[in-house]
Protein backbone atom coordinates (compact mmCIF):
# COMPACT_ATOMS: atom_id res chain seq x y z
CA MET A 1 0.00 0.00 0.00
CA ALA A 2 1.30 3.44 -0.87
CA ASP A 3 2.25 5.83 1.88
CA LEU A 4 -0.30 8.60 2.37
CA GLN A 5 1.56 11.89 2.60
CA MET A 6 0.22 15.40 2.33
CA ARG A 7 3.33 16.41 0.39
CA PRO A 8 4.87 13.26 -1.15
CA ARG A 9 8.66 13.19 -1.18
CA PHE A 10 11.33 10.88 -2.51
CA ALA A 11 15.04 10.91 -3.31
CA VAL A 12 17.07 9.57 -6.23
CA ASP A 13 20.82 9.42 -6.80
CA VAL A 14 22.44 10.58 -10.03
CA THR A 15 26.06 10.22 -11.10
CA CYS A 16 26.32 13.22 -13.44
CA ASP A 17 27.18 16.68 -12.16
CA VAL A 18 24.37 18.96 -10.98
CA GLU A 19 24.88 21.68 -13.60
CA THR A 20 24.49 19.15 -16.42
CA PHE A 21 21.45 17.61 -14.75
CA VAL A 22 19.77 21.00 -14.27
CA THR A 23 20.47 21.96 -17.89
CA MET A 24 18.95 18.68 -19.10
CA LEU A 25 15.94 19.19 -16.81
CA GLU A 26 15.34 22.71 -18.13
CA GLU A 27 15.64 21.59 -21.76
CA HIS A 28 13.43 18.54 -21.32
CA ALA A 29 10.77 20.54 -19.42
CA ALA A 30 10.61 23.03 -22.30
CA GLU A 31 10.46 20.21 -24.88
CA ALA A 32 7.86 18.13 -23.01
CA ASP A 33 4.45 17.69 -24.57
CA PRO A 34 2.81 19.81 -23.20
CA PRO A 35 5.71 22.03 -22.09
CA LEU A 36 6.44 22.74 -18.44
CA GLU A 37 8.00 25.78 -16.80
CA GLY A 38 9.93 26.46 -13.67
CA HIS A 39 12.94 27.83 -11.90
CA PHE A 40 16.19 26.03 -12.70
CA ASP A 41 19.23 26.70 -10.53
CA PRO A 42 22.05 24.27 -9.59
CA GLY A 43 21.08 24.60 -5.92
CA HIS A 44 17.32 24.36 -6.21
CA CYS A 45 14.83 23.68 -9.01
CA VAL A 46 11.06 23.95 -9.18
CA VAL A 47 9.21 22.41 -12.12
CA ARG A 48 5.58 23.46 -12.47
CA ILE A 49 2.58 23.30 -14.73
CA PRO A 50 2.26 26.45 -16.91
CA GLU A 51 -0.21 29.12 -15.81
CA THR A 52 -2.58 28.36 -18.70
CA ARG A 53 -3.12 24.77 -17.45
CA ARG A 54 -2.72 25.40 -13.73
CA ALA A 55 -5.57 24.77 -11.29
CA LEU A 56 -5.79 25.30 -7.53
CA TRP A 57 -4.67 21.70 -6.92
CA SER A 58 -1.85 21.70 -9.50
CA PRO A 59 1.42 20.45 -7.97
CA GLU A 60 4.98 21.67 -8.23
CA LEU A 61 8.02 19.41 -8.17
CA ASP A 62 10.63 20.92 -5.86
CA LEU A 63 14.19 19.58 -6.28
CA THR A 64 17.22 20.13 -4.07
CA PHE A 65 20.66 18.62 -4.62
CA GLU A 66 23.07 17.12 -2.12
CA ARG A 67 26.58 15.92 -2.96
CA LEU A 68 27.40 12.37 -1.91
CA GLU A 69 30.99 11.51 -1.12
CA PRO A 70 32.41 8.45 -2.89
CA GLU A 71 33.09 5.39 -0.81
CA ALA A 72 36.44 3.60 -1.01
CA ASP A 73 36.32 1.11 -3.90
CA GLY A 74 32.75 2.26 -4.58
CA PRO A 75 31.07 4.01 -7.46
CA PRO A 76 32.11 7.55 -8.36
CA ALA A 77 30.78 10.49 -6.39
CA SER A 78 27.18 11.29 -7.15
CA HIS A 79 24.42 13.60 -6.09
CA ARG A 80 21.20 12.89 -4.28
CA VAL A 81 18.20 14.68 -5.72
CA ARG A 82 15.59 15.28 -3.02
CA CYS A 83 12.17 15.68 -4.61
CA LEU A 84 8.96 17.04 -3.12
CA PHE A 85 5.51 17.23 -4.70
CA ALA A 86 3.64 20.13 -3.15
CA PRO A 87 1.02 22.70 -4.06
CA ARG A 88 2.10 26.22 -4.93
CA PRO A 89 3.46 28.09 -1.87
CA ALA A 90 0.38 30.37 -1.71
CA VAL A 91 -1.95 27.35 -1.61
CA TRP A 92 0.20 25.59 1.01
CA THR A 93 0.31 28.74 3.16
CA GLY A 94 -3.48 29.07 2.95
CA PHE A 95 -3.87 25.42 3.89
CA ALA A 96 -1.57 25.81 6.91
CA PHE A 97 -3.37 29.04 7.91
CA VAL A 98 -6.77 27.30 7.87
CA LEU A 99 -5.40 24.49 10.05
CA ALA A 100 -3.85 27.03 12.46
CA VAL A 101 -7.10 28.99 12.74
CA LEU A 102 -9.07 25.80 13.37
CA GLY A 103 -6.54 24.75 16.02
CA ALA A 104 -6.78 28.14 17.74
CA ALA A 105 -10.57 28.03 17.57
CA GLY A 106 -10.59 24.56 19.12
CA VAL A 107 -8.33 25.65 21.97
CA ALA A 108 -10.37 28.83 22.56
CA SER A 109 -13.59 26.81 22.60
CA ALA A 110 -12.10 24.35 25.07
CA LEU A 111 -10.91 27.14 27.39
CA TYR A 112 -14.21 29.02 27.21
CA GLY A 113 -16.16 25.79 27.75
CA LEU A 114 -14.03 24.96 30.81
CA ALA A 115 -14.65 28.47 32.14
CA GLN A 116 -18.39 27.95 31.63
CA LEU A 117 -18.16 24.62 33.43
CA THR A 118 -16.26 26.20 36.33
CA LEU A 119 -18.92 28.92 36.65
CA GLY A 120 -21.69 26.34 36.78
CA GLU A 121 -23.10 27.28 33.37
CA PRO A 122 -23.82 24.74 30.64
CA PRO A 123 -20.51 24.26 28.75
CA LEU A 124 -21.93 24.89 25.28
CA ALA A 125 -18.61 26.28 24.04
CA LEU A 126 -17.13 22.78 24.34
CA LEU A 127 -19.13 21.91 21.23
CA GLY A 128 -16.63 24.01 19.31
CA VAL A 129 -13.86 21.48 20.00
CA PRO A 130 -15.33 18.56 18.02
CA ALA A 131 -16.52 21.02 15.35
CA ALA A 132 -12.96 22.39 14.95
CA LEU A 133 -11.56 18.83 14.89
CA ALA A 134 -14.09 17.77 12.23
CA LEU A 135 -13.30 20.80 10.07
CA ALA A 136 -9.55 20.19 10.50
CA ALA A 137 -10.03 16.55 9.44
CA LEU A 138 -11.97 17.69 6.36
CA THR A 139 -9.25 20.20 5.54
CA TYR A 140 -6.60 17.48 5.93
CA ALA A 141 -8.63 15.13 3.71
CA SER A 142 -8.89 17.86 1.08
CA SER A 143 -5.13 17.57 0.51
CA PHE A 144 -5.62 13.95 -0.60
CA ILE A 145 -8.57 14.93 -2.78
CA GLY A 146 -6.34 17.56 -4.42
CA GLN A 147 -3.63 14.93 -4.97
CA GLY A 148 -6.19 12.70 -6.66
CA LEU A 149 -7.29 15.52 -8.94
CA ALA A 150 -3.66 16.39 -9.75
CA LEU A 151 -2.45 12.82 -10.27
CA SER A 152 -2.00 13.15 -14.02
CA GLN A 153 -0.01 16.36 -13.54
CA MET A 154 2.16 14.68 -10.90
CA TYR A 155 2.92 11.89 -13.38
CA GLU A 156 3.70 14.51 -16.02
CA LEU A 157 6.24 16.21 -13.73
CA ARG A 158 7.72 12.88 -12.64
CA ARG A 159 8.06 11.70 -16.26
CA VAL A 160 10.26 14.71 -17.09
CA LEU A 161 12.41 13.99 -14.02
CA ASP A 162 12.73 10.29 -14.87
CA VAL A 163 13.91 11.02 -18.42
CA CYS A 164 16.55 13.39 -17.05
CA ILE A 165 17.66 10.80 -14.48
CA GLU A 166 18.09 8.20 -17.24
CA ARG A 167 20.07 10.64 -19.38
CA GLY A 168 22.14 11.70 -16.37
CA GLU A 169 22.95 8.09 -15.54
CA GLU A 170 24.05 7.48 -19.11
CA LEU A 171 26.32 10.54 -18.97
CA GLY A 172 27.67 9.40 -15.60
CA ARG A 173 28.44 5.92 -16.97
CA ARG A 174 30.21 7.39 -19.99
CA ALA A 175 32.29 9.72 -17.79
CA ALA A 176 33.25 6.81 -15.49
CA GLN A 177 34.24 4.67 -18.49
CA GLU A 178 36.39 7.47 -19.91
CA GLN A 179 37.98 8.01 -16.52
CA THR A 180 38.73 4.28 -16.27
CA ARG A 181 40.23 4.26 -19.78
CA GLY A 182 42.46 7.18 -18.82
CA TYR A 183 44.02 5.12 -16.01
CA GLN A 184 44.73 2.11 -18.21
CA ILE A 185 48.07 2.02 -19.97
């Protein structure tokens, strides 16, 4: 069974250098059918659906790069690409804000209800606690509904990344073979 995550993440290792990988990613995103856009920098990349096809639930693929040190007698040094599928930052901020407001409302209802109880009044404010919890659960569930609606776009973003990983691995293998040939006499 797949892991349920609000913002799915994964990591892959590549053997080519980051600059080459980012260049390939930018080129392949522009050549994809339909084309994708984003921010491409050797430290951090974001690949997204173009504005014309973007919906509220459209994901972005956020990539960060980490250099891996080679092990003795191991494969050549590579990079780990940490990938995160997430909504646009404005959508994620709104989502977190709604959860924070519901949390604050639940705590305020609990405190007011306890004050009512202490004063001998009916603690009607305590009804706000399960209401806030139910609304928070619905908000949380909405993230999975959004992922379901955006599944084809997530596959589209992942497909571009997978092609670049394959090309990067091929370049890494070629570089390792050339390096090995250079040491042979």
